[in-house]
């Protein structure tokens, strides 16, 4: 746990100029919403489970591509 806290602190000190806090806030809001949605265990989620998993995979792929582009632009 201490290693994780130190790592986050170091990355925060070094990378703060490249990090957009609005992105962190959007991730927080989106994560809270999805957590609330999936913890409800309602019938709609069970019916749409495959579609939700596909959407999650698409979002992860988009995040990976955007992250790769951002890293490339910082290196050039």
Protein backbone atom coordinates (compact mmCIF):
# COMPACT_ATOMS: atom_id res chain seq x y z
CA UNK A 1 0.00 0.00 0.00
CA UNK A 2 2.81 2.40 0.85
CA UNK A 3 4.49 1.68 -2.49
CA UNK A 4 1.29 2.56 -4.33
CA UNK A 5 0.89 5.81 -2.39
CA UNK A 6 4.50 6.80 -3.06
CA UNK A 7 4.17 5.93 -6.77
CA UNK A 8 1.01 7.97 -7.11
CA UNK A 9 2.68 10.87 -5.31
CA UNK A 10 5.73 10.78 -7.57
CA UNK A 11 3.64 10.55 -10.74
CA UNK A 12 1.49 13.40 -9.46
CA UNK A 13 4.51 15.62 -8.89
CA UNK A 14 6.10 14.82 -12.25
CA UNK A 15 3.06 14.60 -14.49
CA UNK A 16 0.73 17.25 -13.09
CA UNK A 17 1.33 19.53 -16.08
CA UNK A 18 0.07 16.83 -18.48
CA UNK A 19 -2.99 15.70 -16.51
CA UNK A 20 -6.41 17.25 -17.01
CA UNK A 21 -8.43 17.28 -13.80
CA UNK A 22 -11.66 17.44 -15.79
CA UNK A 23 -10.81 13.99 -17.13
CA UNK A 24 -10.42 12.67 -13.59
CA UNK A 25 -13.76 14.22 -12.61
CA UNK A 26 -15.45 12.65 -15.64
CA UNK A 27 -13.97 9.27 -14.71
CA UNK A 28 -15.23 9.66 -11.16
CA UNK A 29 -18.76 10.52 -12.27
CA UNK A 30 -18.83 7.77 -14.90
CA UNK A 31 -17.46 5.19 -12.45
CA UNK A 32 -19.98 6.14 -9.80
CA UNK A 33 -22.83 5.89 -12.31
CA UNK A 34 -21.72 2.50 -13.65
CA UNK A 35 -21.12 1.18 -10.13
CA UNK A 36 -24.60 2.27 -9.09
CA UNK A 37 -26.11 0.80 -12.26
CA UNK A 38 -24.43 -2.60 -11.92
CA UNK A 39 -25.02 -2.92 -8.19
CA UNK A 40 -28.76 -2.55 -8.67
CA UNK A 41 -29.02 -6.01 -10.36
CA UNK A 42 -32.22 -5.18 -12.13
CA UNK A 43 -33.84 -7.05 -15.00
CA UNK A 44 -32.78 -4.51 -17.64
CA UNK A 45 -29.08 -5.12 -16.92
CA UNK A 46 -29.47 -8.89 -17.16
CA UNK A 47 -31.18 -8.53 -20.55
CA UNK A 48 -28.56 -6.11 -21.91
CA UNK A 49 -25.47 -7.71 -20.36
CA UNK A 50 -23.78 -8.59 -23.67
CA UNK A 51 -24.42 -5.12 -25.06
CA UNK A 52 -23.02 -3.49 -21.91
CA UNK A 53 -19.91 -5.67 -22.03
CA UNK A 54 -19.39 -4.79 -25.70
CA UNK A 55 -19.76 -1.10 -24.85
CA UNK A 56 -17.20 -1.46 -22.07
CA UNK A 57 -14.75 -3.18 -24.41
CA UNK A 58 -15.25 -0.44 -27.01
CA UNK A 59 -14.64 2.23 -24.38
CA UNK A 60 -11.46 0.47 -23.25
CA UNK A 61 -10.22 0.26 -26.83
CA UNK A 62 -10.96 3.96 -27.38
CA UNK A 63 -9.11 4.82 -24.18
CA UNK A 64 -6.09 2.79 -25.28
CA UNK A 65 -5.98 4.47 -28.69
CA UNK A 66 -6.39 7.98 -27.27
CA UNK A 67 -3.73 7.29 -24.64
CA UNK A 68 -1.31 6.03 -27.29
CA UNK A 69 -1.90 9.16 -29.39
CA UNK A 70 -1.38 11.41 -26.36
CA UNK A 71 1.89 9.67 -25.41
CA UNK A 72 3.10 9.88 -29.00
CA UNK A 73 2.33 13.63 -29.15
CA UNK A 74 4.16 14.26 -25.88
CA UNK A 75 7.23 12.46 -27.20
CA UNK A 76 7.36 14.35 -30.51
